[in-house]
């Protein structure tokens, strides 16, 4: 589908669709993005595609919460802090909210693909999995992408923490602590760095060829999950992100 210019209720100027290979902060949901966005040419205003073009239906349902009815809101309801049930990060802007159960989903999280086809590796989204996450080593917690071979598990929340910590190290000189990092519009530039996942180098008893292949598949899994979390699960973005992942 091709996009052009749109008018959005959250901004007085027209927003033009564009594709960028550097990170940006969405002014709708207040989360980081990369790839497809709608940008104002007059002022510094950006929206994820999912925030600029929310689902037209009045009520949205999600297969993980079959009894819930989610409605798109410009701001989280009430005065108490709220968090996204997918990535466990704070909700500070646009959100899909279920008033009956109180669940909240960031727009990009609500639209996470349930299957990511990475060629040699297929990844499936689960609400919970029994296996431990490659990054934190824990089970359960947030939504998880799991490979079809069941060797790779990554919490959506851990991927977001990796991104925030990494970019904080670059732009603020270290000290990032995942969801506690404040994403400012001004610090996004042309440089990004995304770390390797812990557990990429596993099973050293295998032959060197098998270990190398294992690392490649783990890195590929991370690339595609990051793409999905940032709101643009495309092979192009996955390739761009892959160039920032250290090889070792």
Protein backbone atom coordinates (compact mmCIF):
# COMPACT_ATOMS: atom_id res chain seq x y z
CA UNK A 1 0.00 0.00 0.00
CA UNK A 2 1.32 3.45 -0.91
CA UNK A 3 0.87 6.45 1.33
CA UNK A 4 1.11 10.16 0.65
CA UNK A 5 0.05 13.05 2.85
CA UNK A 6 -2.49 12.81 5.65
CA UNK A 7 -4.08 15.09 8.22
CA UNK A 8 -3.99 13.73 11.74
CA UNK A 9 -6.12 14.78 14.72
CA UNK A 10 -3.00 15.17 16.89
CA UNK A 11 -1.25 17.77 14.71
CA UNK A 12 -2.27 20.93 12.78
CA UNK A 13 0.00 20.34 9.76
CA UNK A 14 -0.02 17.72 7.03
CA UNK A 15 2.13 14.66 7.61
CA UNK A 16 4.02 13.06 4.73
CA UNK A 17 4.91 9.37 4.58
CA UNK A 18 8.62 8.62 4.36
CA UNK A 19 11.08 5.82 5.01
CA UNK A 20 14.17 6.37 7.19
CA UNK A 21 17.02 4.15 8.31
CA UNK A 22 17.77 6.10 11.49
CA UNK A 23 15.79 5.93 14.76
CA UNK A 24 13.15 8.50 15.65
CA UNK A 25 10.84 9.11 18.57
CA UNK A 26 7.13 8.90 17.81
CA UNK A 27 5.19 11.92 19.08
CA UNK A 28 2.05 9.80 19.37
CA UNK A 29 2.98 6.85 21.57
CA UNK A 30 6.31 8.39 22.72
CA UNK A 31 8.20 5.23 21.75
CA UNK A 32 11.17 4.77 19.44
CA UNK A 33 10.73 3.82 15.79
CA UNK A 34 12.63 3.21 12.60
CA UNK A 35 11.67 2.76 8.97
CA UNK A 36 8.17 3.85 7.95
CA UNK A 37 6.85 7.06 9.51
CA UNK A 38 4.65 10.08 8.88
CA UNK A 39 6.61 13.31 9.33
CA UNK A 40 5.70 16.99 9.41
CA UNK A 41 7.82 19.07 7.02
CA UNK A 42 7.04 22.24 9.00
CA UNK A 43 8.05 21.16 12.50
CA UNK A 44 9.69 18.25 14.26
CA UNK A 45 6.74 15.90 14.54
CA UNK A 46 6.82 12.17 13.74
CA UNK A 47 4.35 9.31 13.98
CA UNK A 48 4.73 5.57 13.59
CA UNK A 49 2.63 4.23 10.75
CA UNK A 50 0.49 2.38 13.33
CA UNK A 51 -0.01 5.62 15.29
CA UNK A 52 -0.79 7.71 12.22
CA UNK A 53 -3.18 5.13 10.78
CA UNK A 54 -4.82 3.37 13.73
CA UNK A 55 -7.22 0.54 13.10
CA UNK A 56 -10.45 2.00 11.75
CA UNK A 57 -12.68 -0.34 13.74
CA UNK A 58 -14.23 1.14 16.87
CA UNK A 59 -13.31 -1.97 18.86
CA UNK A 60 -10.14 -4.00 18.29
CA UNK A 61 -9.70 -7.56 19.48
CA UNK A 62 -6.43 -9.40 20.02
CA UNK A 63 -6.02 -13.19 19.92
CA UNK A 64 -4.06 -13.12 23.20
CA UNK A 65 -6.99 -11.45 24.98
CA UNK A 66 -10.10 -12.87 23.36
CA UNK A 67 -12.49 -11.42 25.95
CA UNK A 68 -11.06 -7.90 25.68
CA UNK A 69 -12.23 -5.02 23.53
CA UNK A 70 -9.45 -2.50 22.87
CA UNK A 71 -10.16 1.08 21.89
CA UNK A 72 -7.64 3.52 20.44
CA UNK A 73 -7.00 6.49 22.77
CA UNK A 74 -4.83 9.56 22.39
CA UNK A 75 -3.72 9.31 26.01
CA UNK A 76 -3.89 6.65 28.72
CA UNK A 77 -7.03 6.82 30.88
CA UNK A 78 -6.93 7.96 34.49
CA UNK A 79 -4.13 9.49 36.53
CA UNK A 80 -2.28 6.36 37.62
CA UNK A 81 0.83 5.11 35.73
CA UNK A 82 0.03 2.47 33.14
CA UNK A 83 2.19 -0.05 31.28
CA UNK A 84 1.92 -2.00 28.05
CA UNK A 85 1.01 -5.64 28.60
CA UNK A 86 3.16 -6.67 25.64
CA UNK A 87 6.51 -4.97 26.31
CA UNK A 88 5.99 -3.91 29.95
CA UNK A 89 7.11 -0.33 29.19
CA UNK A 90 5.20 2.70 30.43
CA UNK A 91 2.28 4.02 28.40
CA UNK A 92 2.76 7.75 27.89
CA UNK A 93 0.78 8.50 24.73
CA UNK A 94 -1.37 6.77 22.11
CA UNK A 95 -2.64 3.44 23.39
CA UNK A 96 -5.13 0.64 22.78
CA UNK A 97 -7.02 0.26 26.06
CA UNK A 98 -9.57 -2.27 27.28
CA UNK A 99 -11.81 -0.61 29.86
CA UNK A 100 -13.27 -3.90 31.16
CA UNK A 101 -9.98 -5.60 32.06
CA UNK A 102 -7.62 -2.62 32.19
CA UNK A 103 -5.10 -4.02 29.70
CA UNK A 104 -3.09 -1.60 27.57
CA UNK A 105 -1.10 -2.05 24.37
CA UNK A 106 1.20 0.37 22.56
CA UNK A 107 0.00 0.72 18.93
CA UNK A 108 3.13 -0.99 17.59
CA UNK A 109 2.82 -3.78 20.16
CA UNK A 110 -0.84 -4.29 19.32
CA UNK A 111 0.23 -4.79 15.71
CA UNK A 112 3.20 -7.08 16.29
CA UNK A 113 3.20 -9.81 13.61
CA UNK A 114 2.42 -13.26 14.97
CA UNK A 115 4.82 -14.81 12.49
CA UNK A 116 8.17 -13.40 11.32
CA UNK A 117 9.57 -15.27 8.35
CA UNK A 118 13.35 -14.79 8.38
CA UNK A 119 14.02 -17.28 5.61
CA UNK A 120 16.07 -19.93 7.40
CA UNK A 121 14.32 -19.10 10.64
CA UNK A 122 10.65 -18.59 11.40
CA UNK A 123 9.66 -16.79 14.61
CA UNK A 124 6.31 -17.04 16.39
CA UNK A 125 4.84 -14.60 18.90
CA UNK A 126 3.58 -16.05 22.18
CA UNK A 127 1.99 -14.47 25.21
CA UNK A 128 4.20 -16.72 27.35
CA UNK A 129 6.65 -19.53 26.66
CA UNK A 130 8.14 -22.18 28.90
CA UNK A 131 11.72 -21.63 27.72
CA UNK A 132 14.05 -19.00 29.15
CA UNK A 133 14.83 -15.76 27.34
CA UNK A 134 18.25 -15.53 25.68
CA UNK A 135 18.84 -12.11 27.23
CA UNK A 136 17.50 -12.17 30.79
CA UNK A 137 17.49 -15.93 31.31
CA UNK A 138 14.01 -15.84 32.84
CA UNK A 139 10.78 -17.52 31.81
CA UNK A 140 7.37 -15.95 31.37
CA UNK A 141 7.44 -12.18 31.79
CA UNK A 142 6.31 -10.29 28.64
CA UNK A 143 5.30 -11.45 25.18
CA UNK A 144 7.98 -13.56 23.54
CA UNK A 145 9.17 -14.37 20.06
CA UNK A 146 10.22 -18.00 19.76
CA UNK A 147 11.89 -19.71 16.82
CA UNK A 148 10.25 -22.69 15.18
CA UNK A 149 13.23 -24.80 16.28
CA UNK A 150 12.51 -23.65 19.87
CA UNK A 151 16.18 -22.72 20.42
CA UNK A 152 15.73 -18.96 20.51
CA UNK A 153 13.42 -17.03 22.83
CA UNK A 154 13.44 -13.26 23.23
CA UNK A 155 11.04 -11.26 25.40
CA UNK A 156 9.63 -8.21 23.64
CA UNK A 157 10.45 -6.27 26.82
CA UNK A 158 14.10 -7.38 26.70
CA UNK A 159 14.46 -6.24 23.09
CA UNK A 160 13.18 -2.79 24.06
CA UNK A 161 15.56 -2.63 27.02
CA UNK A 162 18.47 -3.57 24.76
CA UNK A 163 17.62 -0.79 22.35
CA UNK A 164 17.18 1.87 25.02
CA UNK A 165 20.31 0.92 26.94
CA UNK A 166 22.38 0.81 23.78
CA UNK A 167 21.22 4.14 22.40
CA UNK A 168 21.57 5.73 25.84
CA UNK A 169 25.23 4.62 25.92
CA UNK A 170 25.84 6.34 22.60
CA UNK A 171 24.04 9.62 23.16
CA UNK A 172 24.38 10.09 26.93
CA UNK A 173 27.63 8.28 27.72
CA UNK A 174 26.27 5.20 29.46
CA UNK A 175 24.13 4.52 32.48
CA UNK A 176 20.97 3.49 30.65
CA UNK A 177 18.58 1.30 32.55
CA UNK A 178 16.04 0.02 30.06
CA UNK A 179 12.59 1.49 30.51
CA UNK A 180 13.92 4.19 32.86
CA UNK A 181 15.64 5.98 29.98
CA UNK A 182 13.90 9.12 28.76
CA UNK A 183 13.74 9.22 24.97
CA UNK A 184 14.37 12.80 23.87
CA UNK A 185 13.64 13.99 20.36
CA UNK A 186 16.99 15.72 20.08
CA UNK A 187 19.36 12.85 20.70
CA UNK A 188 18.45 10.71 17.69
CA UNK A 189 21.12 10.95 15.01
CA UNK A 190 22.75 8.98 12.21
CA UNK A 191 24.49 6.48 14.49
CA UNK A 192 22.87 3.51 16.17
CA UNK A 193 24.25 0.48 17.92
CA UNK A 194 22.36 -2.64 18.83
CA UNK A 195 24.11 -5.27 20.97
CA UNK A 196 24.37 -8.98 20.39
CA UNK A 197 21.99 -11.15 22.37
CA UNK A 198 23.38 -13.17 25.23
CA UNK A 199 23.36 -16.82 24.28
CA UNK A 200 24.18 -16.31 20.61
CA UNK A 201 27.43 -18.22 21.13
CA UNK A 202 26.14 -21.42 22.62
CA UNK A 203 27.13 -25.08 22.59
CA UNK A 204 30.87 -24.78 22.05
CA UNK A 205 31.14 -28.56 21.70
CA UNK A 206 29.78 -28.31 18.18
CA UNK A 207 32.01 -27.92 15.18
CA UNK A 208 33.12 -24.39 14.29
CA UNK A 209 30.80 -24.40 11.31
CA UNK A 210 27.79 -25.27 13.44
CA UNK A 211 28.67 -22.67 16.07
CA UNK A 212 29.00 -20.01 13.38
CA UNK A 213 25.66 -21.03 11.90
CA UNK A 214 24.05 -20.91 15.34
CA UNK A 215 25.33 -17.35 15.85
CA UNK A 216 24.06 -16.31 12.45
CA UNK A 217 20.56 -17.63 13.15
CA UNK A 218 20.46 -16.01 16.60
CA UNK A 219 21.52 -12.69 15.09
CA UNK A 220 18.94 -13.06 12.33
CA UNK A 221 16.22 -13.71 14.90
CA UNK A 222 17.20 -10.58 16.80
CA UNK A 223 17.18 -8.43 13.66
CA UNK A 224 13.64 -9.38 12.70
CA UNK A 225 12.27 -9.04 16.25
CA UNK A 226 13.81 -5.56 16.56
CA UNK A 227 12.25 -4.60 13.24
CA UNK A 228 8.82 -5.70 14.44
CA UNK A 229 9.11 -3.96 17.81
CA UNK A 230 10.15 -0.68 16.14
CA UNK A 231 7.03 -0.74 14.00
CA UNK A 232 8.39 -1.87 10.64
CA UNK A 233 8.89 -5.64 10.32
CA UNK A 234 10.49 -5.60 6.87
CA UNK A 235 13.48 -7.43 5.50
CA UNK A 236 15.02 -4.12 4.44
CA UNK A 237 15.06 -2.73 7.95
CA UNK A 238 16.21 -6.07 9.32
CA UNK A 239 19.18 -5.88 6.98
CA UNK A 240 19.99 -2.32 8.06
CA UNK A 241 19.77 -3.23 11.73
CA UNK A 242 21.90 -6.29 11.12
CA UNK A 243 24.76 -4.09 9.99
CA UNK A 244 24.87 -2.54 13.49
CA UNK A 245 25.06 -5.85 15.34
CA UNK A 246 28.67 -6.69 16.30
CA UNK A 247 30.03 -9.86 14.83
CA UNK A 248 32.08 -12.08 17.04
